[in-house]
Amino acid sequence: MFSTMKRYAVGVGAFIGGAVALLASTCSAASIITLPTTAIADLTGSASQIMSDVWVLVALAIGIPMGFYIIRKVIALIPKH
């Protein structure tokens, strides 16, 4: 059974490799994807904008449980009768 699986995996790998080689030989990457010269700056600019909007949610997600933890520890400092 394993030899059949191995032959199948080798056959599929060869087929995919041949398809990729054929695709690469028929068209170049430059003709498929064209990006403007400011593409990296545009992507990083929007990423920083997203992070500046999300930090409030991250702070709440961390701060609220931490607040309850600190309150519980402060109450535990008070001796019980």
N, C-alpha and C. Protein backbone atom coordinates (compact mmCIF):
# COMPACT_ATOMS: atom_id res chain seq x y z
N MET A 1 0.82 -1.19 0.00
CA MET A 1 0.00 0.00 0.00
C MET A 1 0.86 1.25 0.00
N PHE A 2 1.94 1.23 0.81
CA PHE A 2 2.79 2.42 0.90
C PHE A 2 3.54 2.67 -0.40
N SER A 3 3.91 1.60 -1.11
CA SER A 3 4.61 1.81 -2.37
C SER A 3 3.69 2.46 -3.39
N THR A 4 2.39 2.10 -3.36
CA THR A 4 1.43 2.74 -4.26
C THR A 4 1.29 4.21 -3.91
N MET A 5 1.23 4.52 -2.63
CA MET A 5 1.11 5.91 -2.20
C MET A 5 2.33 6.71 -2.60
N LYS A 6 3.51 6.08 -2.48
CA LYS A 6 4.74 6.77 -2.82
C LYS A 6 4.77 7.06 -4.32
N ARG A 7 4.38 6.07 -5.14
CA ARG A 7 4.36 6.28 -6.58
C ARG A 7 3.35 7.36 -6.95
N TYR A 8 2.20 7.37 -6.27
CA TYR A 8 1.19 8.38 -6.53
C TYR A 8 1.73 9.77 -6.19
N ALA A 9 2.40 9.90 -5.03
CA ALA A 9 2.93 11.19 -4.62
C ALA A 9 4.00 11.66 -5.59
N VAL A 10 4.85 10.76 -6.06
CA VAL A 10 5.88 11.13 -7.02
C VAL A 10 5.25 11.55 -8.34
N GLY A 11 4.22 10.83 -8.76
CA GLY A 11 3.53 11.17 -10.01
C GLY A 11 2.86 12.52 -9.94
N VAL A 12 2.18 12.81 -8.82
CA VAL A 12 1.52 14.10 -8.65
C VAL A 12 2.56 15.22 -8.59
N GLY A 13 3.66 14.97 -7.88
CA GLY A 13 4.72 15.98 -7.79
C GLY A 13 5.31 16.28 -9.16
N ALA A 14 5.52 15.26 -9.97
CA ALA A 14 6.06 15.47 -11.31
C ALA A 14 5.08 16.22 -12.18
N PHE A 15 3.79 15.91 -12.06
CA PHE A 15 2.78 16.61 -12.84
C PHE A 15 2.73 18.08 -12.48
N ILE A 16 2.73 18.38 -11.17
CA ILE A 16 2.67 19.77 -10.73
C ILE A 16 3.93 20.52 -11.14
N GLY A 17 5.08 19.86 -10.98
CA GLY A 17 6.33 20.48 -11.40
C GLY A 17 6.34 20.80 -12.89
N GLY A 18 5.83 19.88 -13.70
CA GLY A 18 5.76 20.11 -15.14
C GLY A 18 4.81 21.23 -15.49
N ALA A 19 3.68 21.30 -14.79
CA ALA A 19 2.71 22.36 -15.04
C ALA A 19 3.29 23.73 -14.69
N VAL A 20 4.02 23.79 -13.58
CA VAL A 20 4.64 25.06 -13.17
C VAL A 20 5.71 25.47 -14.18
N ALA A 21 6.51 24.51 -14.65
CA ALA A 21 7.54 24.81 -15.64
C ALA A 21 6.91 25.29 -16.94
N LEU A 22 5.81 24.67 -17.36
CA LEU A 22 5.13 25.08 -18.58
C LEU A 22 4.56 26.49 -18.43
N LEU A 23 3.95 26.77 -17.28
CA LEU A 23 3.39 28.09 -17.04
C LEU A 23 4.49 29.15 -17.02
N ALA A 24 5.61 28.83 -16.39
CA ALA A 24 6.71 29.78 -16.31
C ALA A 24 7.33 30.04 -17.68
N SER A 25 7.33 29.03 -18.54
CA SER A 25 7.94 29.21 -19.85
C SER A 25 7.03 29.98 -20.80
N THR A 26 5.71 29.89 -20.60
CA THR A 26 4.79 30.55 -21.53
C THR A 26 4.53 32.00 -21.19
N CYS A 27 4.62 32.37 -19.93
CA CYS A 27 4.37 33.76 -19.58
C CYS A 27 5.29 34.17 -18.45
N SER A 28 5.72 35.38 -18.50
CA SER A 28 6.62 35.86 -17.44
C SER A 28 5.80 36.50 -16.34
N ALA A 29 6.37 36.56 -15.15
CA ALA A 29 5.66 37.14 -14.00
C ALA A 29 5.40 38.62 -14.20
N ALA A 30 6.26 39.29 -14.93
CA ALA A 30 6.09 40.73 -15.14
C ALA A 30 4.84 41.02 -15.96
N SER A 31 4.45 40.11 -16.84
CA SER A 31 3.27 40.36 -17.65
C SER A 31 1.98 40.04 -16.89
N ILE A 32 2.07 39.25 -15.83
CA ILE A 32 0.88 38.88 -15.07
C ILE A 32 0.59 39.93 -14.00
N ILE A 33 1.60 40.30 -13.24
CA ILE A 33 1.41 41.20 -12.11
C ILE A 33 2.20 42.47 -12.35
N THR A 34 1.50 43.58 -12.31
CA THR A 34 2.19 44.87 -12.38
C THR A 34 1.80 45.68 -11.16
N LEU A 35 2.77 46.19 -10.47
CA LEU A 35 2.53 46.99 -9.27
C LEU A 35 3.06 48.40 -9.48
N PRO A 36 2.39 49.38 -8.93
CA PRO A 36 2.93 50.74 -9.03
C PRO A 36 4.19 50.87 -8.16
N THR A 37 4.94 51.89 -8.39
CA THR A 37 6.19 52.06 -7.65
C THR A 37 5.94 52.37 -6.18
N THR A 38 4.77 52.85 -5.83
CA THR A 38 4.46 53.19 -4.44
C THR A 38 3.68 52.08 -3.73
N ALA A 39 3.70 50.86 -4.25
CA ALA A 39 2.89 49.78 -3.70
C ALA A 39 3.28 49.44 -2.27
N ILE A 40 4.57 49.36 -1.99
CA ILE A 40 5.01 48.99 -0.64
C ILE A 40 4.65 50.08 0.36
N ALA A 41 4.82 51.32 -0.01
CA ALA A 41 4.46 52.42 0.88
C ALA A 41 2.95 52.45 1.14
N ASP A 42 2.16 52.16 0.12
CA ASP A 42 0.71 52.12 0.30
C ASP A 42 0.29 51.00 1.24
N LEU A 43 0.90 49.82 1.08
CA LEU A 43 0.55 48.69 1.94
C LEU A 43 0.96 48.92 3.38
N THR A 44 2.14 49.44 3.61
CA THR A 44 2.58 49.67 4.99
C THR A 44 1.84 50.83 5.62
N GLY A 45 1.43 51.80 4.83
CA GLY A 45 0.65 52.91 5.37
C GLY A 45 -0.71 52.47 5.88
N SER A 46 -1.38 51.61 5.13
CA SER A 46 -2.69 51.13 5.58
C SER A 46 -2.53 50.17 6.76
N ALA A 47 -1.44 49.42 6.81
CA ALA A 47 -1.22 48.51 7.94
C ALA A 47 -1.02 49.31 9.23
N SER A 48 -0.29 50.40 9.16
CA SER A 48 -0.11 51.22 10.36
C SER A 48 -1.42 51.89 10.76
N GLN A 49 -2.24 52.25 9.81
CA GLN A 49 -3.56 52.83 10.12
C GLN A 49 -4.44 51.79 10.81
N ILE A 50 -4.41 50.56 10.33
CA ILE A 50 -5.21 49.50 10.95
C ILE A 50 -4.75 49.26 12.38
N MET A 51 -3.43 49.22 12.59
CA MET A 51 -2.91 48.97 13.94
C MET A 51 -3.25 50.12 14.88
N SER A 52 -3.26 51.35 14.38
CA SER A 52 -3.61 52.46 15.25
C SER A 52 -5.08 52.41 15.63
N ASP A 53 -5.91 51.83 14.80
CA ASP A 53 -7.33 51.68 15.13
C ASP A 53 -7.58 50.49 16.04
N VAL A 54 -6.78 49.44 15.95
CA VAL A 54 -7.01 48.21 16.68
C VAL A 54 -6.42 48.24 18.09
N TRP A 55 -5.48 49.13 18.36
CA TRP A 55 -4.78 49.08 19.65
C TRP A 55 -5.75 49.30 20.81
N VAL A 56 -6.83 50.02 20.62
CA VAL A 56 -7.81 50.22 21.69
C VAL A 56 -8.45 48.88 22.06
N LEU A 57 -8.82 48.09 21.07
CA LEU A 57 -9.41 46.79 21.34
C LEU A 57 -8.41 45.85 22.02
N VAL A 58 -7.16 45.90 21.59
CA VAL A 58 -6.13 45.07 22.21
C VAL A 58 -5.92 45.49 23.67
N ALA A 59 -5.88 46.80 23.91
CA ALA A 59 -5.71 47.30 25.28
C ALA A 59 -6.87 46.87 26.17
N LEU A 60 -8.08 46.91 25.66
CA LEU A 60 -9.23 46.47 26.44
C LEU A 60 -9.18 44.96 26.69
N ALA A 61 -8.80 44.20 25.69
CA ALA A 61 -8.74 42.75 25.84
C ALA A 61 -7.69 42.34 26.87
N ILE A 62 -6.63 43.11 27.00
CA ILE A 62 -5.60 42.81 28.00
C ILE A 62 -5.91 43.48 29.33
N GLY A 63 -6.41 44.71 29.29
CA GLY A 63 -6.60 45.50 30.50
C GLY A 63 -7.73 45.04 31.40
N ILE A 64 -8.84 44.63 30.83
CA ILE A 64 -9.98 44.23 31.66
C ILE A 64 -9.66 42.99 32.49
N PRO A 65 -9.15 41.91 31.91
CA PRO A 65 -8.79 40.76 32.77
C PRO A 65 -7.68 41.09 33.77
N MET A 66 -6.73 41.95 33.36
CA MET A 66 -5.66 42.32 34.29
C MET A 66 -6.21 43.14 35.45
N GLY A 67 -7.19 43.98 35.16
CA GLY A 67 -7.83 44.75 36.23
C GLY A 67 -8.51 43.85 37.25
N PHE A 68 -9.25 42.86 36.78
CA PHE A 68 -9.90 41.93 37.70
C PHE A 68 -8.87 41.14 38.51
N TYR A 69 -7.76 40.77 37.87
CA TYR A 69 -6.70 40.04 38.57
C TYR A 69 -6.10 40.90 39.68
N ILE A 70 -5.82 42.16 39.38
CA ILE A 70 -5.23 43.06 40.38
C ILE A 70 -6.21 43.31 41.52
N ILE A 71 -7.48 43.51 41.19
CA ILE A 71 -8.49 43.73 42.24
C ILE A 71 -8.57 42.50 43.14
N ARG A 72 -8.56 41.30 42.55
CA ARG A 72 -8.62 40.08 43.35
C ARG A 72 -7.40 39.97 44.27
N LYS A 73 -6.21 40.33 43.79
CA LYS A 73 -5.00 40.26 44.60
C LYS A 73 -5.03 41.30 45.73
N VAL A 74 -5.56 42.49 45.45
CA VAL A 74 -5.66 43.53 46.49
C VAL A 74 -6.63 43.10 47.57
N ILE A 75 -7.76 42.53 47.19
CA ILE A 75 -8.75 42.06 48.18
C ILE A 75 -8.15 40.92 48.99
N ALA A 76 -7.31 40.08 48.37
CA ALA A 76 -6.69 38.97 49.10
C ALA A 76 -5.68 39.47 50.14
N LEU A 77 -5.18 40.69 50.01
CA LEU A 77 -4.23 41.25 50.99
C LEU A 77 -4.91 41.58 52.31
N ILE A 78 -6.20 41.86 52.27
CA ILE A 78 -6.93 42.23 53.48
C ILE A 78 -7.19 40.94 54.29
N PRO A 79 -6.78 40.92 55.54
CA PRO A 79 -6.99 39.70 56.35
C PRO A 79 -8.49 39.46 56.60
N LYS A 80 -8.85 38.20 56.60
CA LYS A 80 -10.24 37.83 56.85
C LYS A 80 -10.40 37.51 58.32
N HIS A 81 -11.57 37.76 58.86
CA HIS A 81 -11.81 37.54 60.29
C HIS A 81 -12.05 36.10 60.59
